[in-house]
Full PDB file with SEQRES, HELIX, SHEET, SSBOND, CRYST1, ORIGX, SCALE, CONECT and MASTER records, all heavy atoms in Angstrom:
SEQRES   1 A   35  THR ASP ASN ILE ALA ALA LEU ALA ASN VAL GLY VAL LEU          
SEQRES   2 A   35  PHE TYR ALA THR GLU PHE ASP GLU TYR SER PHE MET GLN          
SEQRES   3 A   35  ILE PRO ILE GLN VAL GLY ALA ARG TYR                          
SHEET    1 AA1 2 ALA A   5  VAL A  10  0                                        
SHEET    2 AA1 2 ILE A  29  ARG A  34 -1                                        
SHEET    1 AA2 2 LEU A  13  TYR A  15  0                                        
SHEET    2 AA2 2 PHE A  24  GLN A  26 -1                                        
CRYST1    1.000    1.000    1.000  90.00  90.00  90.00 P 1           1          
ORIGX1      1.000000  0.000000  0.000000        0.00000                         
ORIGX2      0.000000  1.000000  0.000000        0.00000                         
ORIGX3      0.000000  0.000000  1.000000        0.00000                         
SCALE1      1.000000  0.000000  0.000000        0.00000                         
SCALE2      0.000000  1.000000  0.000000        0.00000                         
SCALE3      0.000000  0.000000  1.000000        0.00000                         
ATOM      1  N   THR A   1     -30.280 -59.947  23.369  1.00  0.00           N  
ATOM      2  CA  THR A   1     -29.340 -59.475  24.384  1.00  0.00           C  
ATOM      3  C   THR A   1     -29.507 -60.385  25.602  1.00  0.00           C  
ATOM      4  O   THR A   1     -30.258 -61.352  25.542  1.00  0.00           O  
ATOM      5  CB  THR A   1     -29.656 -58.014  24.802  1.00  0.00           C  
ATOM      6  OG1 THR A   1     -30.882 -57.986  25.534  1.00  0.00           O  
ATOM      7  CG2 THR A   1     -29.757 -57.090  23.591  1.00  0.00           C  
ATOM      8  N   ASP A   2     -28.817 -60.061  26.706  1.00  0.00           N  
ATOM      9  CA  ASP A   2     -28.980 -60.863  27.920  1.00  0.00           C  
ATOM     10  C   ASP A   2     -30.399 -60.793  28.458  1.00  0.00           C  
ATOM     11  O   ASP A   2     -30.855 -61.703  29.131  1.00  0.00           O  
ATOM     12  CB  ASP A   2     -28.010 -60.368  29.006  1.00  0.00           C  
ATOM     13  CG  ASP A   2     -26.583 -60.770  28.734  1.00  0.00           C  
ATOM     14  OD1 ASP A   2     -26.370 -61.672  27.886  1.00  0.00           O  
ATOM     15  OD2 ASP A   2     -25.666 -60.204  29.342  1.00  0.00           O  
ATOM     16  N   ASN A   3     -31.121 -59.691  28.152  1.00  0.00           N  
ATOM     17  CA  ASN A   3     -32.454 -59.487  28.716  1.00  0.00           C  
ATOM     18  C   ASN A   3     -33.588 -59.601  27.719  1.00  0.00           C  
ATOM     19  O   ASN A   3     -34.732 -59.739  28.113  1.00  0.00           O  
ATOM     20  CB  ASN A   3     -32.540 -58.102  29.376  1.00  0.00           C  
ATOM     21  CG  ASN A   3     -31.528 -57.917  30.457  1.00  0.00           C  
ATOM     22  OD1 ASN A   3     -30.442 -57.403  30.214  1.00  0.00           O  
ATOM     23  ND2 ASN A   3     -31.840 -58.337  31.660  1.00  0.00           N  
ATOM     24  N   ILE A   4     -33.300 -59.542  26.430  1.00  0.00           N  
ATOM     25  CA  ILE A   4     -34.350 -59.507  25.413  1.00  0.00           C  
ATOM     26  C   ILE A   4     -34.218 -60.703  24.473  1.00  0.00           C  
ATOM     27  O   ILE A   4     -33.097 -61.046  24.049  1.00  0.00           O  
ATOM     28  CB  ILE A   4     -34.312 -58.200  24.606  1.00  0.00           C  
ATOM     29  CG1 ILE A   4     -34.543 -57.009  25.546  1.00  0.00           C  
ATOM     30  CG2 ILE A   4     -35.358 -58.202  23.503  1.00  0.00           C  
ATOM     31  CD1 ILE A   4     -34.325 -55.656  24.909  1.00  0.00           C  
ATOM     32  N   ALA A   5     -35.330 -61.344  24.167  1.00  0.00           N  
ATOM     33  CA  ALA A   5     -35.338 -62.498  23.271  1.00  0.00           C  
ATOM     34  C   ALA A   5     -36.521 -62.450  22.333  1.00  0.00           C  
ATOM     35  O   ALA A   5     -37.580 -61.905  22.671  1.00  0.00           O  
ATOM     36  CB  ALA A   5     -35.373 -63.787  24.075  1.00  0.00           C  
ATOM     37  N   ALA A   6     -36.356 -62.990  21.125  1.00  0.00           N  
ATOM     38  CA  ALA A   6     -37.451 -63.135  20.163  1.00  0.00           C  
ATOM     39  C   ALA A   6     -38.014 -64.549  20.277  1.00  0.00           C  
ATOM     40  O   ALA A   6     -37.282 -65.500  20.607  1.00  0.00           O  
ATOM     41  CB  ALA A   6     -36.945 -62.874  18.747  1.00  0.00           C  
ATOM     42  N   LEU A   7     -39.316 -64.705  20.023  1.00  0.00           N  
ATOM     43  CA  LEU A   7     -40.004 -65.978  20.228  1.00  0.00           C  
ATOM     44  C   LEU A   7     -40.766 -66.429  18.975  1.00  0.00           C  
ATOM     45  O   LEU A   7     -41.244 -65.595  18.203  1.00  0.00           O  
ATOM     46  CB  LEU A   7     -41.047 -65.851  21.348  1.00  0.00           C  
ATOM     47  CG  LEU A   7     -40.638 -65.240  22.670  1.00  0.00           C  
ATOM     48  CD1 LEU A   7     -41.856 -65.046  23.558  1.00  0.00           C  
ATOM     49  CD2 LEU A   7     -39.614 -66.106  23.377  1.00  0.00           C  
ATOM     50  N   ALA A   8     -40.878 -67.740  18.828  1.00  0.00           N  
ATOM     51  CA  ALA A   8     -41.782 -68.334  17.848  1.00  0.00           C  
ATOM     52  C   ALA A   8     -42.495 -69.480  18.568  1.00  0.00           C  
ATOM     53  O   ALA A   8     -41.846 -70.306  19.223  1.00  0.00           O  
ATOM     54  CB  ALA A   8     -41.010 -68.875  16.647  1.00  0.00           C  
ATOM     55  N   ASN A   9     -43.828 -69.507  18.485  1.00  0.00           N  
ATOM     56  CA  ASN A   9     -44.610 -70.457  19.262  1.00  0.00           C  
ATOM     57  C   ASN A   9     -45.705 -71.095  18.411  1.00  0.00           C  
ATOM     58  O   ASN A   9     -46.352 -70.423  17.618  1.00  0.00           O  
ATOM     59  CB  ASN A   9     -45.255 -69.734  20.449  1.00  0.00           C  
ATOM     60  CG  ASN A   9     -46.029 -70.660  21.349  1.00  0.00           C  
ATOM     61  OD1 ASN A   9     -45.443 -71.456  22.078  1.00  0.00           O  
ATOM     62  ND2 ASN A   9     -47.343 -70.581  21.316  1.00  0.00           N  
ATOM     63  N   VAL A  10     -45.887 -72.406  18.548  1.00  0.00           N  
ATOM     64  CA  VAL A  10     -46.998 -73.104  17.900  1.00  0.00           C  
ATOM     65  C   VAL A  10     -47.521 -74.140  18.874  1.00  0.00           C  
ATOM     66  O   VAL A  10     -46.751 -74.746  19.641  1.00  0.00           O  
ATOM     67  CB  VAL A  10     -46.548 -73.755  16.564  1.00  0.00           C  
ATOM     68  CG1 VAL A  10     -45.487 -74.816  16.789  1.00  0.00           C  
ATOM     69  CG2 VAL A  10     -47.731 -74.316  15.804  1.00  0.00           C  
ATOM     70  N   GLY A  11     -48.844 -74.359  18.880  1.00  0.00           N  
ATOM     71  CA  GLY A  11     -49.430 -75.306  19.817  1.00  0.00           C  
ATOM     72  C   GLY A  11     -50.770 -75.831  19.352  1.00  0.00           C  
ATOM     73  O   GLY A  11     -51.218 -75.536  18.243  1.00  0.00           O  
ATOM     74  N   VAL A  12     -51.406 -76.586  20.231  1.00  0.00           N  
ATOM     75  CA  VAL A  12     -52.760 -77.089  19.984  1.00  0.00           C  
ATOM     76  C   VAL A  12     -53.478 -77.211  21.303  1.00  0.00           C  
ATOM     77  O   VAL A  12     -52.891 -77.599  22.326  1.00  0.00           O  
ATOM     78  CB  VAL A  12     -52.718 -78.449  19.227  1.00  0.00           C  
ATOM     79  CG1 VAL A  12     -52.033 -79.517  20.043  1.00  0.00           C  
ATOM     80  CG2 VAL A  12     -54.105 -78.880  18.802  1.00  0.00           C  
ATOM     81  N   LEU A  13     -54.759 -76.814  21.319  1.00  0.00           N  
ATOM     82  CA  LEU A  13     -55.578 -76.879  22.511  1.00  0.00           C  
ATOM     83  C   LEU A  13     -56.901 -77.595  22.172  1.00  0.00           C  
ATOM     84  O   LEU A  13     -57.532 -77.273  21.165  1.00  0.00           O  
ATOM     85  CB  LEU A  13     -55.914 -75.479  23.028  1.00  0.00           C  
ATOM     86  CG  LEU A  13     -54.775 -74.706  23.695  1.00  0.00           C  
ATOM     87  CD1 LEU A  13     -55.127 -73.226  23.792  1.00  0.00           C  
ATOM     88  CD2 LEU A  13     -54.450 -75.277  25.069  1.00  0.00           C  
ATOM     89  N   PHE A  14     -57.272 -78.557  23.015  1.00  0.00           N  
ATOM     90  CA  PHE A  14     -58.553 -79.268  22.865  1.00  0.00           C  
ATOM     91  C   PHE A  14     -59.460 -78.847  24.004  1.00  0.00           C  
ATOM     92  O   PHE A  14     -59.046 -78.871  25.176  1.00  0.00           O  
ATOM     93  CB  PHE A  14     -58.322 -80.782  22.903  1.00  0.00           C  
ATOM     94  CG  PHE A  14     -57.411 -81.283  21.822  1.00  0.00           C  
ATOM     95  CD1 PHE A  14     -56.047 -81.431  22.047  1.00  0.00           C  
ATOM     96  CD2 PHE A  14     -57.901 -81.587  20.562  1.00  0.00           C  
ATOM     97  CE1 PHE A  14     -55.197 -81.884  21.059  1.00  0.00           C  
ATOM     98  CE2 PHE A  14     -57.064 -82.045  19.542  1.00  0.00           C  
ATOM     99  CZ  PHE A  14     -55.705 -82.188  19.801  1.00  0.00           C  
ATOM    100  N   TYR A  15     -60.709 -78.505  23.682  1.00  0.00           N  
ATOM    101  CA  TYR A  15     -61.635 -77.985  24.674  1.00  0.00           C  
ATOM    102  C   TYR A  15     -62.709 -79.000  25.050  1.00  0.00           C  
ATOM    103  O   TYR A  15     -63.238 -79.710  24.200  1.00  0.00           O  
ATOM    104  CB  TYR A  15     -62.306 -76.715  24.163  1.00  0.00           C  
ATOM    105  CG  TYR A  15     -61.376 -75.533  24.165  1.00  0.00           C  
ATOM    106  CD1 TYR A  15     -60.553 -75.268  23.054  1.00  0.00           C  
ATOM    107  CD2 TYR A  15     -61.286 -74.679  25.249  1.00  0.00           C  
ATOM    108  CE1 TYR A  15     -59.684 -74.197  23.065  1.00  0.00           C  
ATOM    109  CE2 TYR A  15     -60.424 -73.597  25.260  1.00  0.00           C  
ATOM    110  CZ  TYR A  15     -59.615 -73.363  24.156  1.00  0.00           C  
ATOM    111  OH  TYR A  15     -58.765 -72.306  24.170  1.00  0.00           O  
ATOM    112  N   ALA A  16     -63.034 -79.010  26.334  1.00  0.00           N  
ATOM    113  CA  ALA A  16     -64.183 -79.788  26.819  1.00  0.00           C  
ATOM    114  C   ALA A  16     -65.421 -78.922  26.626  1.00  0.00           C  
ATOM    115  O   ALA A  16     -65.406 -77.724  26.912  1.00  0.00           O  
ATOM    116  CB  ALA A  16     -64.002 -80.127  28.289  1.00  0.00           C  
ATOM    117  N   THR A  17     -66.500 -79.511  26.114  1.00  0.00           N  
ATOM    118  CA  THR A  17     -67.733 -78.774  25.867  1.00  0.00           C  
ATOM    119  C   THR A  17     -68.908 -79.430  26.572  1.00  0.00           C  
ATOM    120  O   THR A  17     -68.788 -80.542  27.095  1.00  0.00           O  
ATOM    121  CB  THR A  17     -68.019 -78.682  24.359  1.00  0.00           C  
ATOM    122  OG1 THR A  17     -68.249 -80.000  23.854  1.00  0.00           O  
ATOM    123  CG2 THR A  17     -66.859 -78.059  23.605  1.00  0.00           C  
ATOM    124  N   GLU A  18     -70.038 -78.746  26.570  1.00  0.00           N  
ATOM    125  CA  GLU A  18     -71.245 -79.256  27.230  1.00  0.00           C  
ATOM    126  C   GLU A  18     -71.857 -80.427  26.474  1.00  0.00           C  
ATOM    127  O   GLU A  18     -72.589 -81.219  27.051  1.00  0.00           O  
ATOM    128  CB  GLU A  18     -72.290 -78.141  27.335  1.00  0.00           C  
ATOM    129  CG  GLU A  18     -71.843 -76.948  28.168  1.00  0.00           C  
ATOM    130  CD  GLU A  18     -71.816 -77.256  29.667  1.00  0.00           C  
ATOM    131  OE1 GLU A  18     -72.433 -78.253  30.080  1.00  0.00           O  
ATOM    132  OE2 GLU A  18     -71.168 -76.515  30.401  1.00  0.00           O  
ATOM    133  N   PHE A  19     -71.579 -80.564  25.174  1.00  0.00           N  
ATOM    134  CA  PHE A  19     -72.241 -81.575  24.354  1.00  0.00           C  
ATOM    135  C   PHE A  19     -71.229 -82.567  23.794  1.00  0.00           C  
ATOM    136  O   PHE A  19     -70.191 -82.168  23.252  1.00  0.00           O  
ATOM    137  CB  PHE A  19     -72.997 -80.896  23.187  1.00  0.00           C  
ATOM    138  CG  PHE A  19     -73.932 -79.810  23.654  1.00  0.00           C  
ATOM    139  CD1 PHE A  19     -73.549 -78.478  23.534  1.00  0.00           C  
ATOM    140  CD2 PHE A  19     -75.149 -80.120  24.216  1.00  0.00           C  
ATOM    141  CE1 PHE A  19     -74.399 -77.458  23.974  1.00  0.00           C  
ATOM    142  CE2 PHE A  19     -76.004 -79.108  24.650  1.00  0.00           C  
ATOM    143  CZ  PHE A  19     -75.624 -77.778  24.530  1.00  0.00           C  
ATOM    144  N   ASP A  20     -71.530 -83.852  23.914  1.00  0.00           N  
ATOM    145  CA  ASP A  20     -70.645 -84.897  23.413  1.00  0.00           C  
ATOM    146  C   ASP A  20     -70.488 -84.843  21.901  1.00  0.00           C  
ATOM    147  O   ASP A  20     -69.460 -85.262  21.350  1.00  0.00           O  
ATOM    148  CB  ASP A  20     -71.173 -86.292  23.811  1.00  0.00           C  
ATOM    149  CG  ASP A  20     -71.124 -86.496  25.321  1.00  0.00           C  
ATOM    150  OD1 ASP A  20     -70.301 -85.820  25.988  1.00  0.00           O  
ATOM    151  OD2 ASP A  20     -71.890 -87.342  25.825  1.00  0.00           O  
ATOM    152  N   GLU A  21     -71.507 -84.354  21.205  1.00  0.00           N  
ATOM    153  CA  GLU A  21     -71.514 -84.337  19.743  1.00  0.00           C  
ATOM    154  C   GLU A  21     -70.684 -83.176  19.175  1.00  0.00           C  
ATOM    155  O   GLU A  21     -70.456 -83.097  17.981  1.00  0.00           O  
ATOM    156  CB  GLU A  21     -72.933 -84.227  19.189  1.00  0.00           C  
ATOM    157  CG  GLU A  21     -73.860 -85.378  19.568  1.00  0.00           C  
ATOM    158  CD  GLU A  21     -74.465 -85.188  20.962  1.00  0.00           C  
ATOM    159  OE1 GLU A  21     -74.338 -84.068  21.538  1.00  0.00           O  
ATOM    160  OE2 GLU A  21     -75.033 -86.156  21.498  1.00  0.00           O  
ATOM    161  N   TYR A  22     -70.265 -82.263  20.054  1.00  0.00           N  
ATOM    162  CA  TYR A  22     -69.572 -81.045  19.591  1.00  0.00           C  
ATOM    163  C   TYR A  22     -68.132 -81.038  20.116  1.00  0.00           C  
ATOM    164  O   TYR A  22     -67.901 -81.303  21.292  1.00  0.00           O  
ATOM    165  CB  TYR A  22     -70.327 -79.810  20.118  1.00  0.00           C  
ATOM    166  CG  TYR A  22     -69.647 -78.490  19.843  1.00  0.00           C  
ATOM    167  CD1 TYR A  22     -69.593 -77.975  18.553  1.00  0.00           C  
ATOM    168  CD2 TYR A  22     -69.063 -77.763  20.867  1.00  0.00           C  
ATOM    169  CE1 TYR A  22     -68.984 -76.750  18.297  1.00  0.00           C  
ATOM    170  CE2 TYR A  22     -68.443 -76.536  20.621  1.00  0.00           C  
ATOM    171  CZ  TYR A  22     -68.410 -76.039  19.339  1.00  0.00           C  
ATOM    172  OH  TYR A  22     -67.806 -74.847  19.078  1.00  0.00           O  
ATOM    173  N   SER A  23     -67.175 -80.776  19.247  1.00  0.00           N  
ATOM    174  CA  SER A  23     -65.776 -80.661  19.666  1.00  0.00           C  
ATOM    175  C   SER A  23     -65.182 -79.377  19.107  1.00  0.00           C  
ATOM    176  O   SER A  23     -65.563 -78.906  18.038  1.00  0.00           O  
ATOM    177  CB  SER A  23     -64.967 -81.882  19.225  1.00  0.00           C  
ATOM    178  OG  SER A  23     -64.935 -81.972  17.810  1.00  0.00           O  
ATOM    179  N   PHE A  24     -64.232 -78.837  19.868  1.00  0.00           N  
ATOM    180  CA  PHE A  24     -63.628 -77.573  19.479  1.00  0.00           C  
ATOM    181  C   PHE A  24     -62.134 -77.602  19.808  1.00  0.00           C  
ATOM    182  O   PHE A  24     -61.737 -78.051  20.887  1.00  0.00           O  
ATOM    183  CB  PHE A  24     -64.304 -76.421  20.226  1.00  0.00           C  
ATOM    184  CG  PHE A  24     -63.832 -75.062  19.804  1.00  0.00           C  
ATOM    185  CD1 PHE A  24     -64.279 -74.484  18.627  1.00  0.00           C  
ATOM    186  CD2 PHE A  24     -62.917 -74.356  20.591  1.00  0.00           C  
ATOM    187  CE1 PHE A  24     -63.829 -73.228  18.231  1.00  0.00           C  
ATOM    188  CE2 PHE A  24     -62.469 -73.096  20.206  1.00  0.00           C  
ATOM    189  CZ  PHE A  24     -62.938 -72.528  19.029  1.00  0.00           C  
ATOM    190  N   MET A  25     -61.313 -77.129  18.872  1.00  0.00           N  
ATOM    191  CA  MET A  25     -59.886 -77.060  19.114  1.00  0.00           C  
ATOM    192  C   MET A  25     -59.313 -75.800  18.508  1.00  0.00           C  
ATOM    193  O   MET A  25     -59.915 -75.188  17.608  1.00  0.00           O  
ATOM    194  CB  MET A  25     -59.167 -78.300  18.551  1.00  0.00           C  
ATOM    195  CG  MET A  25     -59.210 -78.425  17.035  1.00  0.00           C  
ATOM    196  SD  MET A  25     -58.385 -79.888  16.385  1.00  0.00           S  
ATOM    197  CE  MET A  25     -56.684 -79.418  16.575  1.00  0.00           C  
ATOM    198  N   GLN A  26     -58.160 -75.383  19.029  1.00  0.00           N  
ATOM    199  CA  GLN A  26     -57.470 -74.198  18.508  1.00  0.00           C  
ATOM    200  C   GLN A  26     -56.007 -74.543  18.246  1.00  0.00           C  
ATOM    201  O   GLN A  26     -55.394 -75.309  18.992  1.00  0.00           O  
ATOM    202  CB  GLN A  26     -57.522 -73.049  19.518  1.00  0.00           C  
ATOM    203  CG  GLN A  26     -58.876 -72.400  19.678  1.00  0.00           C  
ATOM    204  CD  GLN A  26     -58.839 -71.280  20.702  1.00  0.00           C  
ATOM    205  OE1 GLN A  26     -58.258 -71.429  21.761  1.00  0.00           O  
ATOM    206  NE2 GLN A  26     -59.476 -70.174  20.385  1.00  0.00           N  
ATOM    207  N   ILE A  27     -55.461 -73.940  17.193  1.00  0.00           N  
ATOM    208  CA  ILE A  27     -54.045 -74.087  16.859  1.00  0.00           C  
ATOM    209  C   ILE A  27     -53.436 -72.679  16.816  1.00  0.00           C  
ATOM    210  O   ILE A  27     -53.631 -71.943  15.833  1.00  0.00           O  
ATOM    211  CB  ILE A  27     -53.839 -74.810  15.511  1.00  0.00           C  
ATOM    212  CG1 ILE A  27     -54.469 -76.202  15.565  1.00  0.00           C  
ATOM    213  CG2 ILE A  27     -52.358 -74.886  15.167  1.00  0.00           C  
ATOM    214  CD1 ILE A  27     -54.481 -76.923  14.241  1.00  0.00           C  
ATOM    215  N   PRO A  28     -52.761 -72.262  17.890  1.00  0.00           N  
ATOM    216  CA  PRO A  28     -52.112 -70.945  17.879  1.00  0.00           C  
ATOM    217  C   PRO A  28     -50.765 -70.998  17.169  1.00  0.00           C  
ATOM    218  O   PRO A  28     -49.976 -71.907  17.388  1.00  0.00           O  
ATOM    219  CB  PRO A  28     -51.959 -70.619  19.364  1.00  0.00           C  
ATOM    220  CG  PRO A  28     -51.949 -71.934  20.058  1.00  0.00           C  
ATOM    221  CD  PRO A  28     -52.715 -72.908  19.195  1.00  0.00           C  
ATOM    222  N   ILE A  29     -50.504 -69.989  16.321  1.00  0.00           N  
ATOM    223  CA  ILE A  29     -49.215 -69.809  15.657  1.00  0.00           C  
ATOM    224  C   ILE A  29     -48.849 -68.350  15.865  1.00  0.00           C  
ATOM    225  O   ILE A  29     -49.486 -67.463  15.287  1.00  0.00           O  
ATOM    226  CB  ILE A  29     -49.292 -70.160  14.160  1.00  0.00           C  
ATOM    227  CG1 ILE A  29     -49.802 -71.612  13.955  1.00  0.00           C  
ATOM    228  CG2 ILE A  29     -47.934 -69.977  13.484  1.00  0.00           C  
ATOM    229  CD1 ILE A  29     -50.169 -71.939  12.539  1.00  0.00           C  
ATOM    230  N   GLN A  30     -47.818 -68.102  16.676  1.00  0.00           N  
ATOM    231  CA  GLN A  30     -47.500 -66.723  17.044  1.00  0.00           C  
ATOM    232  C   GLN A  30     -45.995 -66.481  17.148  1.00  0.00           C  
ATOM    233  O   GLN A  30     -45.221 -67.407  17.333  1.00  0.00           O  
ATOM    234  CB  GLN A  30     -48.142 -66.398  18.399  1.00  0.00           C  
ATOM    235  CG  GLN A  30     -49.654 -66.459  18.393  1.00  0.00           C  
ATOM    236  CD  GLN A  30     -50.239 -66.244  19.772  1.00  0.00           C  
ATOM    237  OE1 GLN A  30     -49.934 -66.974  20.712  1.00  0.00           O  
ATOM    238  NE2 GLN A  30     -51.100 -65.235  19.893  1.00  0.00           N  
ATOM    239  N   VAL A  31     -45.623 -65.228  17.005  1.00  0.00           N  
ATOM    240  CA  VAL A  31     -44.253 -64.777  17.250  1.00  0.00           C  
ATOM    241  C   VAL A  31     -44.325 -63.647  18.291  1.00  0.00           C  
ATOM    242  O   VAL A  31     -45.397 -63.065  18.514  1.00  0.00           O  
ATOM    243  CB  VAL A  31     -43.558 -64.283  15.968  1.00  0.00           C  
ATOM    244  CG1 VAL A  31     -43.372 -65.435  14.993  1.00  0.00           C  
ATOM    245  CG2 VAL A  31     -44.333 -63.143  15.316  1.00  0.00           C  
ATOM    246  N   GLY A  32     -43.174 -63.325  18.895  1.00  0.00           N  
ATOM    247  CA  GLY A  32     -43.202 -62.274  19.906  1.00  0.00           C  
ATOM    248  C   GLY A  32     -41.838 -62.017  20.501  1.00  0.00           C  
ATOM    249  O   GLY A  32     -40.818 -62.314  19.898  1.00  0.00           O  
ATOM    250  N   ALA A  33     -41.865 -61.458  21.710  1.00  0.00           N  
ATOM    251  CA  ALA A  33     -40.617 -61.094  22.388  1.00  0.00           C  
ATOM    252  C   ALA A  33     -40.799 -61.218  23.898  1.00  0.00           C  
ATOM    253  O   ALA A  33     -41.921 -61.189  24.410  1.00  0.00           O  
ATOM    254  CB  ALA A  33     -40.213 -59.678  22.026  1.00  0.00           C  
ATOM    255  N   ARG A  34     -39.672 -61.415  24.579  1.00  0.00           N  
ATOM    256  CA  ARG A  34     -39.657 -61.460  26.048  1.00  0.00           C  
ATOM    257  C   ARG A  34     -38.596 -60.513  26.585  1.00  0.00           C  
ATOM    258  O   ARG A  34     -37.543 -60.325  25.980  1.00  0.00           O  
ATOM    259  CB  ARG A  34     -39.335 -62.869  26.544  1.00  0.00           C  
ATOM    260  CG  ARG A  34     -40.512 -63.782  26.648  1.00  0.00           C  
ATOM    261  CD  ARG A  34     -40.110 -65.128  27.223  1.00  0.00           C  
ATOM    262  NE  ARG A  34     -41.250 -66.026  27.256  1.00  0.00           N  
ATOM    263  CZ  ARG A  34     -41.162 -67.318  27.470  1.00  0.00           C  
ATOM    264  NH1 ARG A  34     -39.972 -67.880  27.678  1.00  0.00           N  
ATOM    265  NH2 ARG A  34     -42.240 -68.077  27.482  1.00  0.00           N  
ATOM    266  N   TYR A  35     -38.892 -59.985  27.767  1.00  0.00           N  
ATOM    267  CA  TYR A  35     -37.920 -59.183  28.499  1.00  0.00           C  
ATOM    268  C   TYR A  35     -37.674 -59.838  29.859  1.00  0.00           C  
ATOM    269  O   TYR A  35     -38.623 -60.045  30.621  1.00  0.00           O  
ATOM    270  CB  TYR A  35     -38.403 -57.731  28.688  1.00  0.00           C  
ATOM    271  CG  TYR A  35     -37.463 -56.931  29.543  1.00  0.00           C  
ATOM    272  CD1 TYR A  35     -36.273 -56.452  29.017  1.00  0.00           C  
ATOM    273  CD2 TYR A  35     -37.743 -56.684  30.881  1.00  0.00           C  
ATOM    274  CE1 TYR A  35     -35.381 -55.717  29.799  1.00  0.00           C  
ATOM    275  CE2 TYR A  35     -36.866 -55.975  31.683  1.00  0.00           C  
ATOM    276  CZ  TYR A  35     -35.681 -55.487  31.134  1.00  0.00           C  
ATOM    277  OH  TYR A  35     -34.802 -54.789  31.916  1.00  0.00           O  
TER     278      TYR A  35                                                      
MASTER        0    0    0    0    4    0    0    6  277    1    0    3          
END                                                                             
């Protein structure tokens, strides 16, 4: 409608960590809605 929408989202996040030898990343895959 004019006020309501459905969403599909995908991304990638790279994290800085305390140790050079360690790396961590996340890949979010989500659906949802907005008002």
